[in-house]
Amino acid sequence: MKKASITDAKNNFSALLKWVRQGETVIITDRDVPVAQLAKPVKFSISDEETLLARLEVQGVLSKAKKKAPLKEIIRTSPPRLKSGVDIVEVLLSERQEGR
C-alpha cells in the first residue's frame, strides 16, 4: 500500500493512477491522517446489488416498497389546491409534527 500527501497526489496524480492500475491501493493523507483511498473500482453483479440492498434493509437504512406506486395515476392527477388564507409553512409544520 502506497501513501501520498494531498500535495503529492495533486502533483503526481498520473503516477499514482499507474500504481492503482497495477493493483496497488494508494492512501491520500492530510498531515499524516488518511482522508481518501485510490483503488481499482469494484465490479458488482446483480446478485451483489441484491445482497447489498438486503443488507441495507436489515440495517434499517432503507425499506422495500410494499407495492408498486401507480406512477401514471400520480402523474395524471392534479396536485391539491391550497385553500385561501392558509399558510403552507404551518401546514407543513403540522404534518411534520404528526409524523407524516
PDB file of N, CA and C in Angstrom:
ATOM      1  N   MET A   1       0.853  -1.167   0.000  1.00  0.00           N
ATOM      2  CA  MET A   1       0.000   0.000   0.000  1.00  0.00           C
ATOM      3  C   MET A   1       0.900   1.231   0.000  1.00  0.00           C
ATOM      4  N   LYS A   2       0.584   2.157  -0.879  1.00  0.00           N
ATOM      5  CA  LYS A   2       1.367   3.376  -1.016  1.00  0.00           C
ATOM      6  C   LYS A   2       0.624   4.523  -0.341  1.00  0.00           C
ATOM      7  N   LYS A   3       1.370   5.438   0.253  1.00  0.00           N
ATOM      8  CA  LYS A   3       0.783   6.632   0.870  1.00  0.00           C
ATOM      9  C   LYS A   3       1.275   7.863   0.130  1.00  0.00           C
ATOM     10  N   ALA A   4       0.412   8.872   0.048  1.00  0.00           N
ATOM     11  CA  ALA A   4       0.782  10.134  -0.591  1.00  0.00           C
ATOM     12  C   ALA A   4       0.038  11.255   0.100  1.00  0.00           C
ATOM     13  N   SER A   5       0.727  12.367   0.290  1.00  0.00           N
ATOM     14  CA  SER A   5       0.063  13.539   0.861  1.00  0.00           C
ATOM     15  C   SER A   5      -0.838  14.157  -0.202  1.00  0.00           C
ATOM     16  N   ILE A   6      -1.686  15.064   0.216  1.00  0.00           N
ATOM     17  CA  ILE A   6      -2.573  15.732  -0.733  1.00  0.00           C
ATOM     18  C   ILE A   6      -1.757  16.454  -1.802  1.00  0.00           C
ATOM     19  N   THR A   7      -0.692  17.127  -1.395  1.00  0.00           N
ATOM     20  CA  THR A   7       0.166  17.838  -2.339  1.00  0.00           C
ATOM     21  C   THR A   7       0.809  16.875  -3.322  1.00  0.00           C
ATOM     22  N   ASP A   8       1.350  15.753  -2.805  1.00  0.00           N
ATOM     23  CA  ASP A   8       1.948  14.756  -3.690  1.00  0.00           C
ATOM     24  C   ASP A   8       0.914  14.188  -4.656  1.00  0.00           C
ATOM     25  N   ALA A   9      -0.278  13.928  -4.158  1.00  0.00           N
ATOM     26  CA  ALA A   9      -1.329  13.372  -5.004  1.00  0.00           C
ATOM     27  C   ALA A   9      -1.702  14.354  -6.110  1.00  0.00           C
ATOM     28  N   LYS A  10      -1.787  15.634  -5.756  1.00  0.00           N
ATOM     29  CA  LYS A  10      -2.127  16.647  -6.753  1.00  0.00           C
ATOM     30  C   LYS A  10      -1.026  16.764  -7.810  1.00  0.00           C
ATOM     31  N   ASN A  11       0.208  16.744  -7.365  1.00  0.00           N
ATOM     32  CA  ASN A  11       1.329  16.934  -8.285  1.00  0.00           C
ATOM     33  C   ASN A  11       1.693  15.680  -9.075  1.00  0.00           C
ATOM     34  N   ASN A  12       1.377  14.497  -8.556  1.00  0.00           N
ATOM     35  CA  ASN A  12       1.790  13.239  -9.189  1.00  0.00           C
ATOM     36  C   ASN A  12       0.611  12.305  -9.431  1.00  0.00           C
ATOM     37  N   PHE A  13      -0.532  12.867  -9.771  1.00  0.00           N
ATOM     38  CA  PHE A  13      -1.743  12.065  -9.901  1.00  0.00           C
ATOM     39  C   PHE A  13      -1.592  10.956 -10.945  1.00  0.00           C
ATOM     40  N   SER A  14      -0.990  11.274 -12.080  1.00  0.00           N
ATOM     41  CA  SER A  14      -0.818  10.269 -13.132  1.00  0.00           C
ATOM     42  C   SER A  14       0.016   9.097 -12.646  1.00  0.00           C
ATOM     43  N   ALA A  15       1.059   9.382 -11.902  1.00  0.00           N
ATOM     44  CA  ALA A  15       1.916   8.315 -11.376  1.00  0.00           C
ATOM     45  C   ALA A  15       1.159   7.460 -10.366  1.00  0.00           C
ATOM     46  N   LEU A  16       0.321   8.088  -9.548  1.00  0.00           N
ATOM     47  CA  LEU A  16      -0.462   7.328  -8.575  1.00  0.00           C
ATOM     48  C   LEU A  16      -1.480   6.439  -9.284  1.00  0.00           C
ATOM     49  N   LEU A  17      -2.079   6.948 -10.356  1.00  0.00           N
ATOM     50  CA  LEU A  17      -3.010   6.124 -11.126  1.00  0.00           C
ATOM     51  C   LEU A  17      -2.301   4.925 -11.748  1.00  0.00           C
ATOM     52  N   LYS A  18      -1.058   5.100 -12.114  1.00  0.00           N
ATOM     53  CA  LYS A  18      -0.280   3.974 -12.651  1.00  0.00           C
ATOM     54  C   LYS A  18      -0.148   2.876 -11.589  1.00  0.00           C
ATOM     55  N   TRP A  19       0.095   3.289 -10.346  1.00  0.00           N
ATOM     56  CA  TRP A  19       0.190   2.318  -9.243  1.00  0.00           C
ATOM     57  C   TRP A  19      -1.149   1.586  -9.085  1.00  0.00           C
ATOM     58  N   VAL A  20      -2.243   2.342  -9.146  1.00  0.00           N
ATOM     59  CA  VAL A  20      -3.577   1.760  -8.973  1.00  0.00           C
ATOM     60  C   VAL A  20      -3.867   0.762 -10.090  1.00  0.00           C
ATOM     61  N   ARG A  21      -3.512   1.120 -11.330  1.00  0.00           N
ATOM     62  CA  ARG A  21      -3.714   0.198 -12.458  1.00  0.00           C
ATOM     63  C   ARG A  21      -2.974  -1.115 -12.251  1.00  0.00           C
ATOM     64  N   GLN A  22      -1.851  -1.059 -11.542  1.00  0.00           N
ATOM     65  CA  GLN A  22      -1.054  -2.258 -11.277  1.00  0.00           C
ATOM     66  C   GLN A  22      -1.577  -3.042 -10.071  1.00  0.00           C
ATOM     67  N   GLY A  23      -2.690  -2.570  -9.485  1.00  0.00           N
ATOM     68  CA  GLY A  23      -3.308  -3.310  -8.384  1.00  0.00           C
ATOM     69  C   GLY A  23      -3.017  -2.766  -7.002  1.00  0.00           C
ATOM     70  N   GLU A  24      -2.232  -1.715  -6.914  1.00  0.00           N
ATOM     71  CA  GLU A  24      -1.925  -1.116  -5.610  1.00  0.00           C
ATOM     72  C   GLU A  24      -3.080  -0.251  -5.127  1.00  0.00           C
ATOM     73  N   THR A  25      -3.141  -0.056  -3.836  1.00  0.00           N
ATOM     74  CA  THR A  25      -4.062   0.891  -3.219  1.00  0.00           C
ATOM     75  C   THR A  25      -3.235   2.061  -2.722  1.00  0.00           C
ATOM     76  N   VAL A  26      -3.700   3.275  -2.973  1.00  0.00           N
ATOM     77  CA  VAL A  26      -2.975   4.473  -2.553  1.00  0.00           C
ATOM     78  C   VAL A  26      -3.829   5.205  -1.534  1.00  0.00           C
ATOM     79  N   ILE A  27      -3.244   5.459  -0.375  1.00  0.00           N
ATOM     80  CA  ILE A  27      -3.913   6.211   0.692  1.00  0.00           C
ATOM     81  C   ILE A  27      -3.459   7.662   0.604  1.00  0.00           C
ATOM     82  N   ILE A  28      -4.427   8.574   0.516  1.00  0.00           N
ATOM     83  CA  ILE A  28      -4.131  10.009   0.484  1.00  0.00           C
ATOM     84  C   ILE A  28      -4.241  10.531   1.912  1.00  0.00           C
ATOM     85  N   THR A  29      -3.207  11.240   2.350  1.00  0.00           N
ATOM     86  CA  THR A  29      -3.185  11.733   3.730  1.00  0.00           C
ATOM     87  C   THR A  29      -3.149  13.257   3.773  1.00  0.00           C
ATOM     88  N   ASP A  30      -3.701  13.792   4.846  1.00  0.00           N
ATOM     89  CA  ASP A  30      -3.633  15.218   5.138  1.00  0.00           C
ATOM     90  C   ASP A  30      -2.982  15.342   6.502  1.00  0.00           C
ATOM     91  N   ARG A  31      -1.756  15.802   6.514  1.00  0.00           N
ATOM     92  CA  ARG A  31      -0.958  15.887   7.750  1.00  0.00           C
ATOM     93  C   ARG A  31      -0.883  14.518   8.437  1.00  0.00           C
ATOM     94  N   ASP A  32      -0.586  13.506   7.649  1.00  0.00           N
ATOM     95  CA  ASP A  32      -0.424  12.115   8.089  1.00  0.00           C
ATOM     96  C   ASP A  32      -1.719  11.453   8.569  1.00  0.00           C
ATOM     97  N   VAL A  33      -2.862  12.074   8.314  1.00  0.00           N
ATOM     98  CA  VAL A  33      -4.150  11.476   8.655  1.00  0.00           C
ATOM     99  C   VAL A  33      -4.801  11.007   7.350  1.00  0.00           C
ATOM    100  N   PRO A  34      -5.127   9.714   7.233  1.00  0.00           N
ATOM    101  CA  PRO A  34      -5.758   9.228   5.997  1.00  0.00           C
ATOM    102  C   PRO A  34      -7.106   9.912   5.758  1.00  0.00           C
ATOM    103  N   VAL A  35      -7.292  10.420   4.525  1.00  0.00           N
ATOM    104  CA  VAL A  35      -8.543  11.094   4.185  1.00  0.00           C
ATOM    105  C   VAL A  35      -9.216  10.502   2.953  1.00  0.00           C
ATOM    106  N   ALA A  36      -8.477   9.736   2.145  1.00  0.00           N
ATOM    107  CA  ALA A  36      -9.059   9.158   0.934  1.00  0.00           C
ATOM    108  C   ALA A  36      -8.242   7.942   0.523  1.00  0.00           C
ATOM    109  N   GLN A  37      -8.836   7.171  -0.368  1.00  0.00           N
ATOM    110  CA  GLN A  37      -8.187   5.960  -0.846  1.00  0.00           C
ATOM    111  C   GLN A  37      -8.419   5.845  -2.348  1.00  0.00           C
ATOM    112  N   LEU A  38      -7.348   5.610  -3.090  1.00  0.00           N
ATOM    113  CA  LEU A  38      -7.457   5.340  -4.521  1.00  0.00           C
ATOM    114  C   LEU A  38      -7.278   3.848  -4.717  1.00  0.00           C
ATOM    115  N   ALA A  39      -8.245   3.236  -5.383  1.00  0.00           N
ATOM    116  CA  ALA A  39      -8.174   1.800  -5.634  1.00  0.00           C
ATOM    117  C   ALA A  39      -8.969   1.496  -6.885  1.00  0.00           C
ATOM    118  N   LYS A  40      -8.717   0.312  -7.457  1.00  0.00           N
ATOM    119  CA  LYS A  40      -9.486  -0.104  -8.617  1.00  0.00           C
ATOM    120  C   LYS A  40     -10.951  -0.226  -8.203  1.00  0.00           C
ATOM    121  N   PRO A  41     -11.866   0.122  -9.103  1.00  0.00           N
ATOM    122  CA  PRO A  41     -13.285   0.009  -8.762  1.00  0.00           C
ATOM    123  C   PRO A  41     -13.698  -1.449  -8.616  1.00  0.00           C
ATOM    124  N   VAL A  42     -14.653  -1.660  -7.721  1.00  0.00           N
ATOM    125  CA  VAL A  42     -15.191  -2.994  -7.501  1.00  0.00           C
ATOM    126  C   VAL A  42     -16.350  -3.192  -8.467  1.00  0.00           C
ATOM    127  N   LYS A  43     -16.370  -4.313  -9.158  1.00  0.00           N
ATOM    128  CA  LYS A  43     -17.452  -4.594 -10.095  1.00  0.00           C
ATOM    129  C   LYS A  43     -18.526  -5.393  -9.369  1.00  0.00           C
ATOM    130  N   PHE A  44     -19.774  -4.929  -9.498  1.00  0.00           N
ATOM    131  CA  PHE A  44     -20.899  -5.592  -8.863  1.00  0.00           C
ATOM    132  C   PHE A  44     -21.702  -6.342  -9.909  1.00  0.00           C
ATOM    133  N   SER A  45     -22.166  -7.496  -9.549  1.00  0.00           N
ATOM    134  CA  SER A  45     -23.126  -8.193 -10.394  1.00  0.00           C
ATOM    135  C   SER A  45     -24.509  -7.945  -9.803  1.00  0.00           C
ATOM    136  N   ILE A  46     -25.538  -8.373 -10.488  1.00  0.00           N
ATOM    137  CA  ILE A  46     -26.908  -8.172  -9.993  1.00  0.00           C
ATOM    138  C   ILE A  46     -27.076  -8.823  -8.632  1.00  0.00           C
ATOM    139  N   SER A  47     -26.509 -10.007  -8.448  1.00  0.00           N
ATOM    140  CA  SER A  47     -26.658 -10.682  -7.158  1.00  0.00           C
ATOM    141  C   SER A  47     -25.972  -9.889  -6.051  1.00  0.00           C
ATOM    142  N   ASP A  48     -24.843  -9.215  -6.383  1.00  0.00           N
ATOM    143  CA  ASP A  48     -24.177  -8.377  -5.390  1.00  0.00           C
ATOM    144  C   ASP A  48     -25.064  -7.205  -4.989  1.00  0.00           C
ATOM    145  N   GLU A  49     -25.758  -6.607  -5.974  1.00  0.00           N
ATOM    146  CA  GLU A  49     -26.649  -5.494  -5.669  1.00  0.00           C
ATOM    147  C   GLU A  49     -27.801  -5.952  -4.783  1.00  0.00           C
ATOM    148  N   GLU A  50     -28.341  -7.139  -5.074  1.00  0.00           N
ATOM    149  CA  GLU A  50     -29.425  -7.658  -4.250  1.00  0.00           C
ATOM    150  C   GLU A  50     -28.936  -7.922  -2.835  1.00  0.00           C
ATOM    151  N   THR A  51     -27.730  -8.440  -2.711  1.00  0.00           N
ATOM    152  CA  THR A  51     -27.150  -8.681  -1.389  1.00  0.00           C
ATOM    153  C   THR A  51     -26.966  -7.373  -0.645  1.00  0.00           C
ATOM    154  N   LEU A  52     -26.462  -6.354  -1.346  1.00  0.00           N
ATOM    155  CA  LEU A  52     -26.260  -5.047  -0.736  1.00  0.00           C
ATOM    156  C   LEU A  52     -27.586  -4.453  -0.281  1.00  0.00           C
ATOM    157  N   LEU A  53     -28.608  -4.516  -1.127  1.00  0.00           N
ATOM    158  CA  LEU A  53     -29.920  -3.987  -0.749  1.00  0.00           C
ATOM    159  C   LEU A  53     -30.493  -4.734   0.452  1.00  0.00           C
ATOM    160  N   ALA A  54     -30.321  -6.056   0.478  1.00  0.00           N
ATOM    161  CA  ALA A  54     -30.814  -6.843   1.612  1.00  0.00           C
ATOM    162  C   ALA A  54     -30.091  -6.435   2.894  1.00  0.00           C
ATOM    163  N   ARG A  55     -28.776  -6.220   2.806  1.00  0.00           N
ATOM    164  CA  ARG A  55     -28.007  -5.818   3.981  1.00  0.00           C
ATOM    165  C   ARG A  55     -28.457  -4.444   4.472  1.00  0.00           C
ATOM    166  N   LEU A  56     -28.683  -3.508   3.544  1.00  0.00           N
ATOM    167  CA  LEU A  56     -29.143  -2.178   3.931  1.00  0.00           C
ATOM    168  C   LEU A  56     -30.533  -2.218   4.556  1.00  0.00           C
ATOM    169  N   GLU A  57     -31.369  -3.128   4.069  1.00  0.00           N
ATOM    170  CA  GLU A  57     -32.705  -3.266   4.642  1.00  0.00           C
ATOM    171  C   GLU A  57     -32.631  -3.804   6.067  1.00  0.00           C
ATOM    172  N   VAL A  58     -31.771  -4.790   6.299  1.00  0.00           N
ATOM    173  CA  VAL A  58     -31.608  -5.354   7.645  1.00  0.00           C
ATOM    174  C   VAL A  58     -31.083  -4.294   8.607  1.00  0.00           C
ATOM    175  N   GLN A  59     -30.184  -3.439   8.111  1.00  0.00           N
ATOM    176  CA  GLN A  59     -29.607  -2.389   8.955  1.00  0.00           C
ATOM    177  C   GLN A  59     -30.589  -1.241   9.206  1.00  0.00           C
ATOM    178  N   GLY A  60     -31.710  -1.250   8.486  1.00  0.00           N
ATOM    179  CA  GLY A  60     -32.696  -0.199   8.676  1.00  0.00           C
ATOM    180  C   GLY A  60     -32.411   1.064   7.885  1.00  0.00           C
ATOM    181  N   VAL A  61     -31.467   1.000   6.955  1.00  0.00           N
ATOM    182  CA  VAL A  61     -31.126   2.166   6.150  1.00  0.00           C
ATOM    183  C   VAL A  61     -32.206   2.430   5.112  1.00  0.00           C
ATOM    184  N   LEU A  62     -32.802   1.367   4.586  1.00  0.00           N
ATOM    185  CA  LEU A  62     -33.868   1.513   3.612  1.00  0.00           C
ATOM    186  C   LEU A  62     -34.901   0.440   3.828  1.00  0.00           C
ATOM    187  N   SER A  63     -36.034   0.624   3.204  1.00  0.00           N
ATOM    188  CA  SER A  63     -37.060  -0.410   3.249  1.00  0.00           C
ATOM    189  C   SER A  63     -37.649  -0.550   1.854  1.00  0.00           C
ATOM    190  N   LYS A  64     -38.005  -1.788   1.510  1.00  0.00           N
ATOM    191  CA  LYS A  64     -38.569  -2.044   0.196  1.00  0.00           C
ATOM    192  C   LYS A  64     -39.982  -1.487   0.136  1.00  0.00           C
ATOM    193  N   ALA A  65     -40.376  -1.085  -1.059  1.00  0.00           N
ATOM    194  CA  ALA A  65     -41.740  -0.609  -1.262  1.00  0.00           C
ATOM    195  C   ALA A  65     -42.706  -1.762  -1.044  1.00  0.00           C
ATOM    196  N   LYS A  66     -43.823  -1.473  -0.397  1.00  0.00           N
ATOM    197  CA  LYS A  66     -44.814  -2.514  -0.144  1.00  0.00           C
ATOM    198  C   LYS A  66     -45.578  -2.881  -1.405  1.00  0.00           C
ATOM    199  N   LYS A  67     -45.776  -1.908  -2.273  1.00  0.00           N
ATOM    200  CA  LYS A  67     -46.414  -2.169  -3.560  1.00  0.00           C
ATOM    201  C   LYS A  67     -45.903  -1.136  -4.549  1.00  0.00           C
ATOM    202  N   LYS A  68     -46.026  -1.452  -5.822  1.00  0.00           N
ATOM    203  CA  LYS A  68     -45.569  -0.513  -6.847  1.00  0.00           C
ATOM    204  C   LYS A  68     -46.453   0.717  -6.845  1.00  0.00           C
ATOM    205  N   ALA A  69     -45.816   1.859  -6.947  1.00  0.00           N
ATOM    206  CA  ALA A  69     -46.563   3.114  -6.994  1.00  0.00           C
ATOM    207  C   ALA A  69     -47.236   3.245  -8.351  1.00  0.00           C
ATOM    208  N   PRO A  70     -48.494   3.657  -8.362  1.00  0.00           N
ATOM    209  CA  PRO A  70     -49.189   3.845  -9.643  1.00  0.00           C
ATOM    210  C   PRO A  70     -48.700   5.133 -10.300  1.00  0.00           C
ATOM    211  N   LEU A  71     -47.545   5.068 -10.922  1.00  0.00           N
ATOM    212  CA  LEU A  71     -46.884   6.258 -11.448  1.00  0.00           C
ATOM    213  C   LEU A  71     -47.759   7.031 -12.430  1.00  0.00           C
ATOM    214  N   LYS A  72     -48.389   6.339 -13.363  1.00  0.00           N
ATOM    215  CA  LYS A  72     -49.219   7.039 -14.346  1.00  0.00           C
ATOM    216  C   LYS A  72     -50.356   7.778 -13.662  1.00  0.00           C
ATOM    217  N   GLU A  73     -50.930   7.154 -12.647  1.00  0.00           N
ATOM    218  CA  GLU A  73     -52.034   7.784 -11.919  1.00  0.00           C
ATOM    219  C   GLU A  73     -51.556   9.038 -11.193  1.00  0.00           C
ATOM    220  N   ILE A  74     -50.372   8.954 -10.611  1.00  0.00           N
ATOM    221  CA  ILE A  74     -49.823  10.110  -9.884  1.00  0.00           C
ATOM    222  C   ILE A  74     -49.552  11.254 -10.846  1.00  0.00           C
ATOM    223  N   ILE A  75     -49.007  10.939 -12.014  1.00  0.00           N
ATOM    224  CA  ILE A  75     -48.682  11.978 -12.985  1.00  0.00           C
ATOM    225  C   ILE A  75     -49.940  12.648 -13.518  1.00  0.00           C
ATOM    226  N   ARG A  76     -50.981  11.875 -13.745  1.00  0.00           N
ATOM    227  CA  ARG A  76     -52.220  12.413 -14.326  1.00  0.00           C
ATOM    228  C   ARG A  76     -53.050  13.212 -13.315  1.00  0.00           C
ATOM    229  N   THR A  77     -52.858  12.981 -12.043  1.00  0.00           N
ATOM    230  CA  THR A  77     -53.651  13.647 -11.010  1.00  0.00           C
ATOM    231  C   THR A  77     -53.127  15.057 -10.774  1.00  0.00           C
ATOM    232  N   SER A  78     -54.026  16.003 -10.730  1.00  0.00           N
ATOM    233  CA  SER A  78     -53.635  17.386 -10.433  1.00  0.00           C
ATOM    234  C   SER A  78     -53.251  17.494  -8.964  1.00  0.00           C
ATOM    235  N   PRO A  79     -52.278  18.333  -8.662  1.00  0.00           N
ATOM    236  CA  PRO A  79     -51.894  18.496  -7.257  1.00  0.00           C
ATOM    237  C   PRO A  79     -53.003  19.193  -6.484  1.00  0.00           C
ATOM    238  N   PRO A  80     -53.090  18.955  -5.190  1.00  0.00           N
ATOM    239  CA  PRO A  80     -54.138  19.602  -4.399  1.00  0.00           C
ATOM    240  C   PRO A  80     -53.941  21.118  -4.358  1.00  0.00           C
ATOM    241  N   ARG A  81     -55.042  21.818  -4.292  1.00  0.00           N
ATOM    242  CA  ARG A  81     -55.004  23.284  -4.219  1.00  0.00           C
ATOM    243  C   ARG A  81     -55.051  23.716  -2.755  1.00  0.00           C
ATOM    244  N   LEU A  82     -54.292  24.735  -2.451  1.00  0.00           N
ATOM    245  CA  LEU A  82     -54.273  25.283  -1.102  1.00  0.00           C
ATOM    246  C   LEU A  82     -55.450  26.237  -0.924  1.00  0.00           C
ATOM    247  N   LYS A  83     -56.162  26.078   0.180  1.00  0.00           N
ATOM    248  CA  LYS A  83     -57.300  26.959   0.452  1.00  0.00           C
ATOM    249  C   LYS A  83     -56.784  28.366   0.717  1.00  0.00           C
ATOM    250  N   SER A  84     -57.551  29.356   0.317  1.00  0.00           N
ATOM    251  CA  SER A  84     -57.123  30.737   0.522  1.00  0.00           C
ATOM    252  C   SER A  84     -57.056  31.036   2.020  1.00  0.00           C
ATOM    253  N   GLY A  85     -56.069  31.809   2.394  1.00  0.00           N
ATOM    254  CA  GLY A  85     -55.874  32.186   3.786  1.00  0.00           C
ATOM    255  C   GLY A  85     -55.114  31.162   4.606  1.00  0.00           C
ATOM    256  N   VAL A  86     -54.639  30.076   3.981  1.00  0.00           N
ATOM    257  CA  VAL A  86     -53.906  29.039   4.697  1.00  0.00           C
ATOM    258  C   VAL A  86     -52.416  29.226   4.433  1.00  0.00           C
ATOM    259  N   ASP A  87     -51.624  29.168   5.482  1.00  0.00           N
ATOM    260  CA  ASP A  87     -50.174  29.320   5.367  1.00  0.00           C
ATOM    261  C   ASP A  87     -49.554  27.940   5.120  1.00  0.00           C
ATOM    262  N   ILE A  88     -48.908  27.769   3.978  1.00  0.00           N
ATOM    263  CA  ILE A  88     -48.330  26.474   3.613  1.00  0.00           C
ATOM    264  C   ILE A  88     -47.276  26.021   4.614  1.00  0.00           C
ATOM    265  N   VAL A  89     -46.529  26.953   5.186  1.00  0.00           N
ATOM    266  CA  VAL A  89     -45.499  26.591   6.167  1.00  0.00           C
ATOM    267  C   VAL A  89     -46.143  25.971   7.401  1.00  0.00           C
ATOM    268  N   GLU A  90     -47.251  26.535   7.850  1.00  0.00           N
ATOM    269  CA  GLU A  90     -47.956  25.974   9.005  1.00  0.00           C
ATOM    270  C   GLU A  90     -48.468  24.572   8.709  1.00  0.00           C
ATOM    271  N   VAL A  91     -48.976  24.369   7.491  1.00  0.00           N
ATOM    272  CA  VAL A  91     -49.454  23.045   7.099  1.00  0.00           C
ATOM    273  C   VAL A  91     -48.309  22.045   7.121  1.00  0.00           C
ATOM    274  N   LEU A  92     -47.178  22.415   6.544  1.00  0.00           N
ATOM    275  CA  LEU A  92     -46.012  21.512   6.523  1.00  0.00           C
ATOM    276  C   LEU A  92     -45.513  21.202   7.928  1.00  0.00           C
ATOM    277  N   LEU A  93     -45.463  22.224   8.794  1.00  0.00           N
ATOM    278  CA  LEU A  93     -45.008  22.010  10.166  1.00  0.00           C
ATOM    279  C   LEU A  93     -45.963  21.092  10.926  1.00  0.00           C
ATOM    280  N   SER A  94     -47.262  21.258  10.723  1.00  0.00           N
ATOM    281  CA  SER A  94     -48.212  20.385  11.422  1.00  0.00           C
ATOM    282  C   SER A  94     -48.093  18.950  10.915  1.00  0.00           C
ATOM    283  N   GLU A  95     -47.869  18.765   9.612  1.00  0.00           N
ATOM    284  CA  GLU A  95     -47.687  17.412   9.097  1.00  0.00           C
ATOM    285  C   GLU A  95     -46.422  16.792   9.658  1.00  0.00           C
ATOM    286  N   ARG A  96     -45.396  17.583   9.810  1.00  0.00           N
ATOM    287  CA  ARG A  96     -44.146  17.063  10.384  1.00  0.00           C
ATOM    288  C   ARG A  96     -44.359  16.628  11.835  1.00  0.00           C
ATOM    289  N   GLN A  97     -45.111  17.413  12.596  1.00  0.00           N
ATOM    290  CA  GLN A  97     -45.386  17.054  13.985  1.00  0.00           C
ATOM    291  C   GLN A  97     -46.220  15.797  14.085  1.00  0.00           C
ATOM    292  N   GLU A  98     -47.097  15.576  13.101  1.00  0.00           N
ATOM    293  CA  GLU A  98     -47.948  14.390  13.092  1.00  0.00           C
ATOM    294  C   GLU A  98     -47.180  13.159  12.593  1.00  0.00           C
ATOM    295  N   GLY A  99     -45.962  13.384  12.084  1.00  0.00           N
ATOM    296  CA  GLY A  99     -45.168  12.263  11.607  1.00  0.00           C
ATOM    297  C   GLY A  99     -45.519  11.838  10.196  1.00  0.00           C
ATOM    298  N   ARG A 100     -46.108  12.708   9.426  1.00  0.00           N
ATOM    299  CA  ARG A 100     -46.493  12.379   8.051  1.00  0.00           C
ATOM    300  C   ARG A 100     -45.406  12.699   7.094  1.00  0.00           C
TER     301      ARG A 100
END
